[in-house]
Amino acid sequence: MNKRINKIIYLLTRNIGGFSVSRYLTRKHPRIFMYHRISRDGDHGKLSAEQFRSQVRLIKKSFSLLSMDQLIHLSDRGEVPNYSAVITFDDGYHDFLDYAFPILKEENAPATLFVTTGFINNDIWLWPDQLKYVLQKVPKGFRIDVPGMSDKYILCDDGLQAWDRIADYCLSISNDEKLRLIDSVFSQAGIKKPEKPPAEYRPLSWGEISGMVSEGLEVGSHSHSHPILTKLSRAQLRAELILSKSLIEKNLNLSPKSFCYPNGRSIDINSEIKSEVAIAGYEFALAAYTSKDPLSDRWEVTRYAASTDSEQFEKNLYGMTYLSSALKFYI
């Protein structure tokens, strides 16, 4: 019933000009959008290329589209323009070049790409992808033994559902425990883990990123191996921050100003991590959740997750999500 009521409210607001009102009321609230994967047809929960083009056009129609560096620079001077928006991409999958970047160029839209340097370097493939890869290959009825979870055995009748449950658990354990767990899943399934990411999960190359940088793409760091930073020792944390930055400098001949926290929930970020990010030479850092004031803390700039649901995207874009959250605070 609540979903139906929310749908009616959305349609009424949309059709009577409510978006213009909410856009105006939230004009000082920058919209920073976080994207990950784009595919031709929007398979496996990814945003389709045409959906992405539509979203870029909607943003450009009603907002001033900036890069992250531009937004932070303007914020430092107290000159953030009304109706500001930013497009960011995390990780560095090859589909960014296949689908997203051509659209960004055609629409003359700036964007910032945060790269996981170990992934780009072909040293690793990302741990959520490893887990998804193996769980989608096991037969129905297969049971995975996961010591430490409330349900010791995970039934893999639905690979993606099993992935959700095990991946969530992986967020709560140390990086070493997580990697051992994933290796155990491969072993239990009797599946050999590919050394390099399969085509579906392959990364960009440094040469490809360099070519896009020459055409205006902005690049920041997303760590070296995409660990949960709160699960690392101080020495491991410093290594992640410094190695990632140095690889970007070496391969792209630029010094990245920005860092993007892996996973990026509020519980994945603390004052020690922020301090180390600053010491490593970054100038600001991005999280992966929304807040009332995205720019209140330059070491924890918040973002909207890009949605494949056009209704939710429009709510985020035109300020309805922000206003709804603000109203709940006062009710």
C-alpha atoms as a PDB file:
ATOM      1  CA  MET A   1       0.000   0.000   0.000  1.00  0.00           C
ATOM      2  CA  ASN A   2       2.810   2.440   0.914  1.00  0.00           C
ATOM      3  CA  LYS A   3       4.493   1.801  -2.443  1.00  0.00           C
ATOM      4  CA  ARG A   4       1.222   2.539  -4.227  1.00  0.00           C
ATOM      5  CA  ILE A   5       0.728   5.779  -2.284  1.00  0.00           C
ATOM      6  CA  ASN A   6       4.313   6.850  -2.946  1.00  0.00           C
ATOM      7  CA  LYS A   7       3.792   6.147  -6.641  1.00  0.00           C
ATOM      8  CA  ILE A   8       0.652   8.305  -6.712  1.00  0.00           C
ATOM      9  CA  ILE A   9       2.462  11.142  -4.913  1.00  0.00           C
ATOM     10  CA  TYR A  10       5.369  10.879  -7.352  1.00  0.00           C
ATOM     11  CA  LEU A  11       3.098  11.017 -10.412  1.00  0.00           C
ATOM     12  CA  LEU A  12       1.073  13.932  -9.048  1.00  0.00           C
ATOM     13  CA  THR A  13       4.200  15.873  -8.140  1.00  0.00           C
ATOM     14  CA  ARG A  14       5.746  15.174 -11.513  1.00  0.00           C
ATOM     15  CA  ASN A  15       2.682  16.173 -13.493  1.00  0.00           C
ATOM     16  CA  ILE A  16       1.791  19.403 -11.679  1.00  0.00           C
ATOM     17  CA  GLY A  17       5.232  20.963 -11.786  1.00  0.00           C
ATOM     18  CA  GLY A  18       6.380  19.767  -8.400  1.00  0.00           C
ATOM     19  CA  PHE A  19       9.812  18.869  -9.721  1.00  0.00           C
ATOM     20  CA  SER A  20      10.468  22.515 -10.580  1.00  0.00           C
ATOM     21  CA  VAL A  21       9.527  23.515  -7.044  1.00  0.00           C
ATOM     22  CA  SER A  22      11.663  20.822  -5.361  1.00  0.00           C
ATOM     23  CA  ARG A  23      14.563  21.621  -7.690  1.00  0.00           C
ATOM     24  CA  TYR A  24      14.392  25.297  -6.681  1.00  0.00           C
ATOM     25  CA  LEU A  25      14.088  24.550  -2.957  1.00  0.00           C
ATOM     26  CA  THR A  26      17.195  22.344  -3.119  1.00  0.00           C
ATOM     27  CA  ARG A  27      19.219  24.520  -5.494  1.00  0.00           C
ATOM     28  CA  LYS A  28      22.127  24.835  -3.017  1.00  0.00           C
ATOM     29  CA  HIS A  29      22.363  21.050  -2.542  1.00  0.00           C
ATOM     30  CA  PRO A  30      24.922  19.586  -4.994  1.00  0.00           C
ATOM     31  CA  ARG A  31      23.933  16.304  -6.642  1.00  0.00           C
ATOM     32  CA  ILE A  32      26.965  14.018  -6.810  1.00  0.00           C
ATOM     33  CA  PHE A  33      26.057  10.787  -8.604  1.00  0.00           C
ATOM     34  CA  MET A  34      27.927   7.504  -8.147  1.00  0.00           C
ATOM     35  CA  TYR A  35      27.976   4.992 -11.018  1.00  0.00           C
ATOM     36  CA  HIS A  36      29.695   1.621 -11.344  1.00  0.00           C
ATOM     37  CA  ARG A  37      28.680  -0.533 -14.325  1.00  0.00           C
ATOM     38  CA  ILE A  38      27.084   0.230 -17.703  1.00  0.00           C
ATOM     39  CA  SER A  39      26.075  -2.369 -20.272  1.00  0.00           C
ATOM     40  CA  ARG A  40      24.473  -2.247 -23.691  1.00  0.00           C
ATOM     41  CA  ASP A  41      21.108  -3.639 -22.573  1.00  0.00           C
ATOM     42  CA  GLY A  42      21.157  -3.185 -18.796  1.00  0.00           C
ATOM     43  CA  ASP A  43      21.749  -6.844 -17.977  1.00  0.00           C
ATOM     44  CA  HIS A  44      22.359  -8.208 -14.449  1.00  0.00           C
ATOM     45  CA  GLY A  45      21.208  -5.038 -12.720  1.00  0.00           C
ATOM     46  CA  LYS A  46      23.543  -2.716 -14.619  1.00  0.00           C
ATOM     47  CA  LEU A  47      22.401   0.558 -16.090  1.00  0.00           C
ATOM     48  CA  SER A  48      21.825   0.326 -19.828  1.00  0.00           C
ATOM     49  CA  ALA A  49      23.696   2.663 -22.158  1.00  0.00           C
ATOM     50  CA  GLU A  50      20.461   4.370 -23.191  1.00  0.00           C
ATOM     51  CA  GLN A  51      19.393   4.819 -19.567  1.00  0.00           C
ATOM     52  CA  PHE A  52      22.740   6.415 -18.852  1.00  0.00           C
ATOM     53  CA  ARG A  53      22.429   8.745 -21.849  1.00  0.00           C
ATOM     54  CA  SER A  54      18.959   9.749 -20.688  1.00  0.00           C
ATOM     55  CA  GLN A  55      20.224  10.462 -17.175  1.00  0.00           C
ATOM     56  CA  VAL A  56      23.145  12.557 -18.451  1.00  0.00           C
ATOM     57  CA  ARG A  57      20.771  14.588 -20.597  1.00  0.00           C
ATOM     58  CA  LEU A  58      18.367  15.151 -17.694  1.00  0.00           C
ATOM     59  CA  ILE A  59      21.227  16.318 -15.483  1.00  0.00           C
ATOM     60  CA  LYS A  60      22.548  18.695 -18.137  1.00  0.00           C
ATOM     61  CA  LYS A  61      19.091  20.074 -18.881  1.00  0.00           C
ATOM     62  CA  SER A  62      18.516  21.422 -15.378  1.00  0.00           C
ATOM     63  CA  PHE A  63      21.924  21.521 -13.662  1.00  0.00           C
ATOM     64  CA  SER A  64      25.487  22.787 -14.073  1.00  0.00           C
ATOM     65  CA  LEU A  65      27.587  19.675 -14.586  1.00  0.00           C
ATOM     66  CA  LEU A  66      31.053  19.937 -13.009  1.00  0.00           C
ATOM     67  CA  SER A  67      33.980  17.611 -12.310  1.00  0.00           C
ATOM     68  CA  MET A  68      34.762  16.725  -8.677  1.00  0.00           C
ATOM     69  CA  ASP A  69      37.923  18.835  -8.690  1.00  0.00           C
ATOM     70  CA  GLN A  70      35.938  21.814  -9.958  1.00  0.00           C
ATOM     71  CA  LEU A  71      33.246  21.391  -7.313  1.00  0.00           C
ATOM     72  CA  ILE A  72      35.738  21.171  -4.441  1.00  0.00           C
ATOM     73  CA  HIS A  73      37.726  24.144  -5.786  1.00  0.00           C
ATOM     74  CA  LEU A  74      34.555  26.243  -5.942  1.00  0.00           C
ATOM     75  CA  SER A  75      33.512  25.063  -2.486  1.00  0.00           C
ATOM     76  CA  ASP A  76      36.870  26.147  -1.047  1.00  0.00           C
ATOM     77  CA  ARG A  77      36.196  29.637  -2.387  1.00  0.00           C
ATOM     78  CA  GLY A  78      32.579  29.666  -1.197  1.00  0.00           C
ATOM     79  CA  GLU A  79      31.424  29.886  -4.807  1.00  0.00           C
ATOM     80  CA  VAL A  80      29.518  26.642  -5.428  1.00  0.00           C
ATOM     81  CA  PRO A  81      26.905  27.578  -8.039  1.00  0.00           C
ATOM     82  CA  ASN A  82      23.262  26.799  -7.517  1.00  0.00           C
ATOM     83  CA  TYR A  83      22.051  23.655  -9.303  1.00  0.00           C
ATOM     84  CA  SER A  84      25.451  21.910  -9.297  1.00  0.00           C
ATOM     85  CA  ALA A  85      25.859  18.255 -10.251  1.00  0.00           C
ATOM     86  CA  VAL A  86      28.749  15.808 -10.670  1.00  0.00           C
ATOM     87  CA  ILE A  87      29.053  12.392 -12.347  1.00  0.00           C
ATOM     88  CA  THR A  88      31.478   9.901 -10.798  1.00  0.00           C
ATOM     89  CA  PHE A  89      32.366   6.301 -11.663  1.00  0.00           C
ATOM     90  CA  ASP A  90      34.043   3.809  -9.337  1.00  0.00           C
ATOM     91  CA  ASP A  91      36.401   0.866  -9.918  1.00  0.00           C
ATOM     92  CA  GLY A  92      37.573   1.099 -13.539  1.00  0.00           C
ATOM     93  CA  TYR A  93      35.661  -1.596 -15.419  1.00  0.00           C
ATOM     94  CA  HIS A  94      36.161  -1.766 -19.175  1.00  0.00           C
ATOM     95  CA  ASP A  95      32.474  -1.041 -19.806  1.00  0.00           C
ATOM     96  CA  PHE A  96      33.226   2.566 -18.804  1.00  0.00           C
ATOM     97  CA  LEU A  97      35.161   2.898 -22.069  1.00  0.00           C
ATOM     98  CA  ASP A  98      32.773   0.669 -24.017  1.00  0.00           C
ATOM     99  CA  TYR A  99      29.584   2.525 -23.120  1.00  0.00           C
ATOM    100  CA  ALA A 100      29.884   5.411 -20.645  1.00  0.00           C
ATOM    101  CA  PHE A 101      32.764   7.489 -21.982  1.00  0.00           C
ATOM    102  CA  PRO A 102      31.456   7.699 -25.567  1.00  0.00           C
ATOM    103  CA  ILE A 103      28.172   9.050 -24.196  1.00  0.00           C
ATOM    104  CA  LEU A 104      29.957  11.516 -21.918  1.00  0.00           C
ATOM    105  CA  LYS A 105      31.938  12.790 -24.912  1.00  0.00           C
ATOM    106  CA  GLU A 106      28.882  13.064 -27.148  1.00  0.00           C
ATOM    107  CA  GLU A 107      26.981  14.953 -24.442  1.00  0.00           C
ATOM    108  CA  ASN A 108      30.025  17.110 -23.556  1.00  0.00           C
ATOM    109  CA  ALA A 109      29.672  15.990 -19.932  1.00  0.00           C
ATOM    110  CA  PRO A 110      32.618  16.021 -17.490  1.00  0.00           C
ATOM    111  CA  ALA A 111      33.111  13.057 -15.170  1.00  0.00           C
ATOM    112  CA  THR A 112      35.521  11.688 -12.577  1.00  0.00           C
ATOM    113  CA  LEU A 113      36.690   8.061 -12.624  1.00  0.00           C
ATOM    114  CA  PHE A 114      38.043   6.472  -9.430  1.00  0.00           C
ATOM    115  CA  VAL A 115      40.321   3.565 -10.283  1.00  0.00           C
ATOM    116  CA  THR A 116      41.319   0.560  -8.186  1.00  0.00           C
ATOM    117  CA  THR A 117      44.946   0.460  -9.252  1.00  0.00           C
ATOM    118  CA  GLY A 118      45.631  -3.208  -8.522  1.00  0.00           C
ATOM    119  CA  PHE A 119      42.662  -4.038 -10.736  1.00  0.00           C
ATOM    120  CA  ILE A 120      43.912  -1.766 -13.532  1.00  0.00           C
ATOM    121  CA  ASN A 121      47.415  -3.194 -13.058  1.00  0.00           C
ATOM    122  CA  ASN A 122      46.040  -6.717 -13.589  1.00  0.00           C
ATOM    123  CA  ASP A 123      47.382  -7.753 -10.173  1.00  0.00           C
ATOM    124  CA  ILE A 124      43.918  -8.670  -8.878  1.00  0.00           C
ATOM    125  CA  TRP A 125      40.295  -8.879  -9.844  1.00  0.00           C
ATOM    126  CA  LEU A 126      37.777  -7.424  -7.441  1.00  0.00           C
ATOM    127  CA  TRP A 127      36.656  -9.713  -4.629  1.00  0.00           C
ATOM    128  CA  PRO A 128      32.870  -9.203  -5.105  1.00  0.00           C
ATOM    129  CA  ASP A 129      33.316 -10.302  -8.732  1.00  0.00           C
ATOM    130  CA  GLN A 130      35.274 -13.397  -7.711  1.00  0.00           C
ATOM    131  CA  LEU A 131      32.462 -14.389  -5.379  1.00  0.00           C
ATOM    132  CA  LYS A 132      29.740 -13.697  -7.930  1.00  0.00           C
ATOM    133  CA  TYR A 133      31.630 -15.614 -10.625  1.00  0.00           C
ATOM    134  CA  VAL A 134      31.902 -18.825  -8.596  1.00  0.00           C
ATOM    135  CA  LEU A 135      28.390 -18.700  -7.111  1.00  0.00           C
ATOM    136  CA  GLN A 136      26.823 -18.339 -10.551  1.00  0.00           C
ATOM    137  CA  LYS A 137      28.625 -21.487 -11.680  1.00  0.00           C
ATOM    138  CA  VAL A 138      27.657 -23.881  -8.871  1.00  0.00           C
ATOM    139  CA  PRO A 139      24.640 -26.153  -9.506  1.00  0.00           C
ATOM    140  CA  LYS A 140      21.292 -25.630  -7.776  1.00  0.00           C
ATOM    141  CA  GLY A 141      21.132 -27.378  -4.433  1.00  0.00           C
ATOM    142  CA  PHE A 142      24.846 -26.870  -3.815  1.00  0.00           C
ATOM    143  CA  ARG A 143      25.664 -25.907  -0.229  1.00  0.00           C
ATOM    144  CA  ILE A 144      28.527 -23.621   0.748  1.00  0.00           C
ATOM    145  CA  ASP A 145      30.052 -23.990   4.208  1.00  0.00           C
ATOM    146  CA  VAL A 146      30.694 -20.500   5.611  1.00  0.00           C
ATOM    147  CA  PRO A 147      32.006 -20.709   9.188  1.00  0.00           C
ATOM    148  CA  GLY A 148      31.123 -17.625  11.204  1.00  0.00           C
ATOM    149  CA  MET A 149      27.792 -16.890   9.547  1.00  0.00           C
ATOM    150  CA  SER A 150      24.589 -17.396  11.528  1.00  0.00           C
ATOM    151  CA  ASP A 151      23.554 -19.949   8.920  1.00  0.00           C
ATOM    152  CA  LYS A 152      26.594 -22.159   8.546  1.00  0.00           C
ATOM    153  CA  TYR A 153      25.501 -23.542   5.192  1.00  0.00           C
ATOM    154  CA  ILE A 154      24.342 -21.329   2.339  1.00  0.00           C
ATOM    155  CA  LEU A 155      22.080 -23.027  -0.193  1.00  0.00           C
ATOM    156  CA  CYS A 156      22.949 -21.868  -3.692  1.00  0.00           C
ATOM    157  CA  ASP A 157      19.621 -22.360  -5.455  1.00  0.00           C
ATOM    158  CA  ASP A 158      19.848 -18.665  -6.350  1.00  0.00           C
ATOM    159  CA  GLY A 159      23.446 -17.612  -7.013  1.00  0.00           C
ATOM    160  CA  LEU A 160      22.765 -13.882  -6.673  1.00  0.00           C
ATOM    161  CA  GLN A 161      20.874 -14.320  -3.398  1.00  0.00           C
ATOM    162  CA  ALA A 162      23.734 -16.423  -2.033  1.00  0.00           C
ATOM    163  CA  TRP A 163      26.145 -13.740  -3.251  1.00  0.00           C
ATOM    164  CA  ASP A 164      24.215 -11.030  -1.367  1.00  0.00           C
ATOM    165  CA  ARG A 165      24.389 -12.960   1.886  1.00  0.00           C
ATOM    166  CA  ILE A 166      28.033 -14.007   1.689  1.00  0.00           C
ATOM    167  CA  ALA A 167      29.199 -10.612   0.365  1.00  0.00           C
ATOM    168  CA  ASP A 168      27.459  -8.851   3.257  1.00  0.00           C
ATOM    169  CA  TYR A 169      29.256 -11.176   5.665  1.00  0.00           C
ATOM    170  CA  CYS A 170      32.567 -10.439   3.933  1.00  0.00           C
ATOM    171  CA  LEU A 171      32.137  -6.773   4.833  1.00  0.00           C
ATOM    172  CA  SER A 172      32.258  -7.674   8.530  1.00  0.00           C
ATOM    173  CA  ILE A 173      35.496  -9.677   8.568  1.00  0.00           C
ATOM    174  CA  SER A 174      39.156  -8.831   8.026  1.00  0.00           C
ATOM    175  CA  ASN A 175      40.585  -8.542   4.533  1.00  0.00           C
ATOM    176  CA  ASP A 176      42.673 -11.699   4.948  1.00  0.00           C
ATOM    177  CA  GLU A 177      39.676 -13.663   6.275  1.00  0.00           C
ATOM    178  CA  LYS A 178      37.593 -12.474   3.337  1.00  0.00           C
ATOM    179  CA  LEU A 179      40.135 -13.620   0.761  1.00  0.00           C
ATOM    180  CA  ARG A 180      40.512 -17.003   2.473  1.00  0.00           C
ATOM    181  CA  LEU A 181      36.735 -17.401   2.530  1.00  0.00           C
ATOM    182  CA  ILE A 182      36.465 -16.711  -1.204  1.00  0.00           C
ATOM    183  CA  ASP A 183      39.272 -19.179  -1.945  1.00  0.00           C
ATOM    184  CA  SER A 184      37.371 -21.711   0.195  1.00  0.00           C
ATOM    185  CA  VAL A 185      34.196 -21.196  -1.860  1.00  0.00           C
ATOM    186  CA  PHE A 186      36.132 -21.890  -5.080  1.00  0.00           C
ATOM    187  CA  SER A 187      37.655 -24.966  -3.472  1.00  0.00           C
ATOM    188  CA  GLN A 188      34.311 -26.300  -2.203  1.00  0.00           C
ATOM    189  CA  ALA A 189      32.767 -25.770  -5.628  1.00  0.00           C
ATOM    190  CA  GLY A 190      35.661 -27.537  -7.339  1.00  0.00           C
ATOM    191  CA  ILE A 191      36.147 -24.545  -9.626  1.00  0.00           C
ATOM    192  CA  LYS A 192      39.574 -23.163 -10.492  1.00  0.00           C
ATOM    193  CA  LYS A 193      39.762 -19.410  -9.984  1.00  0.00           C
ATOM    194  CA  PRO A 194      40.982 -17.636 -13.135  1.00  0.00           C
ATOM    195  CA  GLU A 195      44.170 -15.642 -12.561  1.00  0.00           C
ATOM    196  CA  LYS A 196      42.790 -12.707 -14.540  1.00  0.00           C
ATOM    197  CA  PRO A 197      39.239 -11.352 -14.547  1.00  0.00           C
ATOM    198  CA  PRO A 198      36.952 -13.008 -17.121  1.00  0.00           C
ATOM    199  CA  ALA A 199      35.687 -10.737 -19.910  1.00  0.00           C
ATOM    200  CA  GLU A 200      32.575  -9.719 -17.981  1.00  0.00           C
ATOM    201  CA  TYR A 201      34.722  -8.315 -15.168  1.00  0.00           C
ATOM    202  CA  ARG A 202      37.783  -7.072 -17.043  1.00  0.00           C
ATOM    203  CA  PRO A 203      39.366  -3.724 -16.198  1.00  0.00           C
ATOM    204  CA  LEU A 204      40.493  -0.792 -18.242  1.00  0.00           C
ATOM    205  CA  SER A 205      44.186  -0.609 -19.108  1.00  0.00           C
ATOM    206  CA  TRP A 206      46.470   2.262 -18.166  1.00  0.00           C
ATOM    207  CA  GLY A 207      46.825   3.130 -21.853  1.00  0.00           C
ATOM    208  CA  GLU A 208      43.061   3.342 -22.273  1.00  0.00           C
ATOM    209  CA  ILE A 209      42.687   5.536 -19.200  1.00  0.00           C
ATOM    210  CA  SER A 210      45.533   7.763 -20.395  1.00  0.00           C
ATOM    211  CA  GLY A 211      43.756   8.225 -23.711  1.00  0.00           C
ATOM    212  CA  MET A 212      40.558   9.289 -21.933  1.00  0.00           C
ATOM    213  CA  VAL A 213      42.506  11.654 -19.651  1.00  0.00           C
ATOM    214  CA  SER A 214      43.847  13.365 -22.771  1.00  0.00           C
ATOM    215  CA  GLU A 215      40.215  13.931 -23.766  1.00  0.00           C
ATOM    216  CA  GLY A 216      39.264  15.529 -20.459  1.00  0.00           C
ATOM    217  CA  LEU A 217      38.514  12.672 -18.059  1.00  0.00           C
ATOM    218  CA  GLU A 218      39.396  13.358 -14.439  1.00  0.00           C
ATOM    219  CA  VAL A 219      40.899  10.449 -12.443  1.00  0.00           C
ATOM    220  CA  GLY A 220      41.126   9.764  -8.709  1.00  0.00           C
ATOM    221  CA  SER A 221      42.171   6.834  -6.537  1.00  0.00           C
ATOM    222  CA  HIS A 222      39.876   4.074  -5.289  1.00  0.00           C
ATOM    223  CA  SER A 223      42.685   2.294  -3.344  1.00  0.00           C
ATOM    224  CA  HIS A 224      44.955  -0.454  -4.689  1.00  0.00           C
ATOM    225  CA  SER A 225      43.054  -3.647  -3.816  1.00  0.00           C
ATOM    226  CA  HIS A 226      39.583  -2.394  -2.742  1.00  0.00           C
ATOM    227  CA  PRO A 227      39.698  -3.543   0.909  1.00  0.00           C
ATOM    228  CA  ILE A 228      37.471  -2.268   3.710  1.00  0.00           C
ATOM    229  CA  LEU A 229      39.906   0.268   5.131  1.00  0.00           C
ATOM    230  CA  THR A 230      38.711  -0.071   8.742  1.00  0.00           C
ATOM    231  CA  LYS A 231      39.782  -3.727   8.586  1.00  0.00           C
ATOM    232  CA  LEU A 232      43.432  -2.849   7.838  1.00  0.00           C
ATOM    233  CA  SER A 233      46.386  -2.122  10.072  1.00  0.00           C
ATOM    234  CA  ARG A 234      47.816   1.386   9.857  1.00  0.00           C
ATOM    235  CA  ALA A 235      50.737   0.074   7.786  1.00  0.00           C
ATOM    236  CA  GLN A 236      48.371  -1.712   5.375  1.00  0.00           C
ATOM    237  CA  LEU A 237      46.197   1.399   5.127  1.00  0.00           C
ATOM    238  CA  ARG A 238      49.171   3.595   4.262  1.00  0.00           C
ATOM    239  CA  ALA A 239      50.355   1.110   1.662  1.00  0.00           C
ATOM    240  CA  GLU A 240      46.939   1.120  -0.041  1.00  0.00           C
ATOM    241  CA  LEU A 241      46.817   4.904  -0.188  1.00  0.00           C
ATOM    242  CA  ILE A 242      50.412   5.525  -1.242  1.00  0.00           C
ATOM    243  CA  LEU A 243      50.758   2.697  -3.768  1.00  0.00           C
ATOM    244  CA  SER A 244      47.531   3.642  -5.511  1.00  0.00           C
ATOM    245  CA  LYS A 245      48.548   7.282  -5.759  1.00  0.00           C
ATOM    246  CA  SER A 246      52.054   6.447  -7.015  1.00  0.00           C
ATOM    247  CA  LEU A 247      50.737   4.091  -9.722  1.00  0.00           C
ATOM    248  CA  ILE A 248      48.373   6.765 -11.018  1.00  0.00           C
ATOM    249  CA  GLU A 249      51.231   9.272 -11.070  1.00  0.00           C
ATOM    250  CA  LYS A 250      53.539   6.829 -12.846  1.00  0.00           C
ATOM    251  CA  ASN A 251      51.085   5.586 -15.469  1.00  0.00           C
ATOM    252  CA  LEU A 252      49.028   8.712 -16.144  1.00  0.00           C
ATOM    253  CA  ASN A 253      51.573  11.451 -15.444  1.00  0.00           C
ATOM    254  CA  LEU A 254      49.172  13.243 -13.108  1.00  0.00           C
ATOM    255  CA  SER A 255      48.862  13.628  -9.361  1.00  0.00           C
ATOM    256  CA  PRO A 256      45.365  12.581  -8.229  1.00  0.00           C
ATOM    257  CA  LYS A 257      43.704  15.039  -5.891  1.00  0.00           C
ATOM    258  CA  SER A 258      40.824  12.809  -4.884  1.00  0.00           C
ATOM    259  CA  PHE A 259      40.372   9.515  -3.067  1.00  0.00           C
ATOM    260  CA  CYS A 260      37.227   7.383  -3.038  1.00  0.00           C
ATOM    261  CA  TYR A 261      36.697   5.013  -0.085  1.00  0.00           C
ATOM    262  CA  PRO A 262      36.170   1.350  -1.052  1.00  0.00           C
ATOM    263  CA  ASN A 263      32.610   0.355  -0.162  1.00  0.00           C
ATOM    264  CA  GLY A 264      32.264   3.818   1.362  1.00  0.00           C
ATOM    265  CA  ARG A 265      29.637   3.324   4.064  1.00  0.00           C
ATOM    266  CA  SER A 266      29.855   5.653   7.067  1.00  0.00           C
ATOM    267  CA  ILE A 267      31.071   2.701   9.184  1.00  0.00           C
ATOM    268  CA  ASP A 268      33.927   2.147   6.703  1.00  0.00           C
ATOM    269  CA  ILE A 269      35.387   5.601   7.419  1.00  0.00           C
ATOM    270  CA  ASN A 270      36.861   7.037  10.613  1.00  0.00           C
ATOM    271  CA  SER A 271      39.073   9.918  11.728  1.00  0.00           C
ATOM    272  CA  GLU A 272      42.280   7.844  11.524  1.00  0.00           C
ATOM    273  CA  ILE A 273      41.548   6.890   7.912  1.00  0.00           C
ATOM    274  CA  LYS A 274      40.715  10.477   6.974  1.00  0.00           C
ATOM    275  CA  SER A 275      43.980  11.640   8.525  1.00  0.00           C
ATOM    276  CA  GLU A 276      45.987   9.059   6.573  1.00  0.00           C
ATOM    277  CA  VAL A 277      44.243  10.061   3.328  1.00  0.00           C
ATOM    278  CA  ALA A 278      45.358  13.647   3.919  1.00  0.00           C
ATOM    279  CA  ILE A 279      48.907  12.603   4.871  1.00  0.00           C
ATOM    280  CA  ALA A 280      49.149  10.549   1.653  1.00  0.00           C
ATOM    281  CA  GLY A 281      48.686  13.780  -0.304  1.00  0.00           C
ATOM    282  CA  TYR A 282      45.068  13.674  -1.394  1.00  0.00           C
ATOM    283  CA  GLU A 283      42.989  16.849  -1.129  1.00  0.00           C
ATOM    284  CA  PHE A 284      39.526  15.376  -0.558  1.00  0.00           C
ATOM    285  CA  ALA A 285      37.734  12.030  -0.382  1.00  0.00           C
ATOM    286  CA  LEU A 286      34.351  10.604  -1.353  1.00  0.00           C
ATOM    287  CA  ALA A 287      31.968   8.281   0.464  1.00  0.00           C
ATOM    288  CA  ALA A 288      29.149   6.149  -0.953  1.00  0.00           C
ATOM    289  CA  TYR A 289      26.081   7.308   0.943  1.00  0.00           C
ATOM    290  CA  THR A 290      23.863  10.397   0.951  1.00  0.00           C
ATOM    291  CA  SER A 291      23.669  13.187   3.506  1.00  0.00           C
ATOM    292  CA  LYS A 292      22.032  16.566   4.037  1.00  0.00           C
ATOM    293  CA  ASP A 293      25.186  18.489   3.155  1.00  0.00           C
ATOM    294  CA  PRO A 294      27.510  16.607   0.767  1.00  0.00           C
ATOM    295  CA  LEU A 295      30.349  19.128   1.160  1.00  0.00           C
ATOM    296  CA  SER A 296      30.301  19.607   4.947  1.00  0.00           C
ATOM    297  CA  ASP A 297      33.400  17.393   5.313  1.00  0.00           C
ATOM    298  CA  ARG A 298      35.930  17.409   2.472  1.00  0.00           C
ATOM    299  CA  TRP A 299      37.245  14.031   3.716  1.00  0.00           C
ATOM    300  CA  GLU A 300      33.811  12.424   3.503  1.00  0.00           C
ATOM    301  CA  VAL A 301      31.969  13.966   0.535  1.00  0.00           C
ATOM    302  CA  THR A 302      28.692  12.116   0.111  1.00  0.00           C
ATOM    303  CA  ARG A 303      26.989  10.899  -3.072  1.00  0.00           C
ATOM    304  CA  TYR A 304      23.755   9.537  -4.511  1.00  0.00           C
ATOM    305  CA  ALA A 305      23.921   5.994  -5.847  1.00  0.00           C
ATOM    306  CA  ALA A 306      22.846   6.037  -9.497  1.00  0.00           C
ATOM    307  CA  SER A 307      19.610   4.111  -9.870  1.00  0.00           C
ATOM    308  CA  THR A 308      18.331   1.924 -12.697  1.00  0.00           C
ATOM    309  CA  ASP A 309      14.853   2.989 -11.521  1.00  0.00           C
ATOM    310  CA  SER A 310      14.009   6.153 -13.471  1.00  0.00           C
ATOM    311  CA  GLU A 311      11.541   7.253 -10.789  1.00  0.00           C
ATOM    312  CA  GLN A 312      14.166   7.070  -8.047  1.00  0.00           C
ATOM    313  CA  PHE A 313      16.725   8.808 -10.233  1.00  0.00           C
ATOM    314  CA  GLU A 314      14.339  11.704 -10.828  1.00  0.00           C
ATOM    315  CA  LYS A 315      13.588  11.951  -7.106  1.00  0.00           C
ATOM    316  CA  ASN A 316      17.318  12.195  -6.391  1.00  0.00           C
ATOM    317  CA  LEU A 317      17.942  14.627  -9.223  1.00  0.00           C
ATOM    318  CA  TYR A 318      15.112  17.051  -8.569  1.00  0.00           C
ATOM    319  CA  GLY A 319      15.498  17.127  -4.785  1.00  0.00           C
ATOM    320  CA  MET A 320      12.527  15.065  -3.657  1.00  0.00           C
ATOM    321  CA  THR A 321      14.775  12.553  -1.876  1.00  0.00           C
ATOM    322  CA  TYR A 322      16.541  15.375  -0.066  1.00  0.00           C
ATOM    323  CA  LEU A 323      13.293  17.124   0.922  1.00  0.00           C
ATOM    324  CA  SER A 324      11.746  13.874   2.099  1.00  0.00           C
ATOM    325  CA  SER A 325      14.760  13.199   4.303  1.00  0.00           C
ATOM    326  CA  ALA A 326      14.708  16.744   5.677  1.00  0.00           C
ATOM    327  CA  LEU A 327      10.995  16.523   6.512  1.00  0.00           C
ATOM    328  CA  LYS A 328      11.508  13.267   8.418  1.00  0.00           C
ATOM    329  CA  PHE A 329      14.059  15.067  10.586  1.00  0.00           C
ATOM    330  CA  TYR A 330      11.470  17.608  11.704  1.00  0.00           C
ATOM    331  CA  ILE A 331       8.468  15.246  12.031  1.00  0.00           C
END
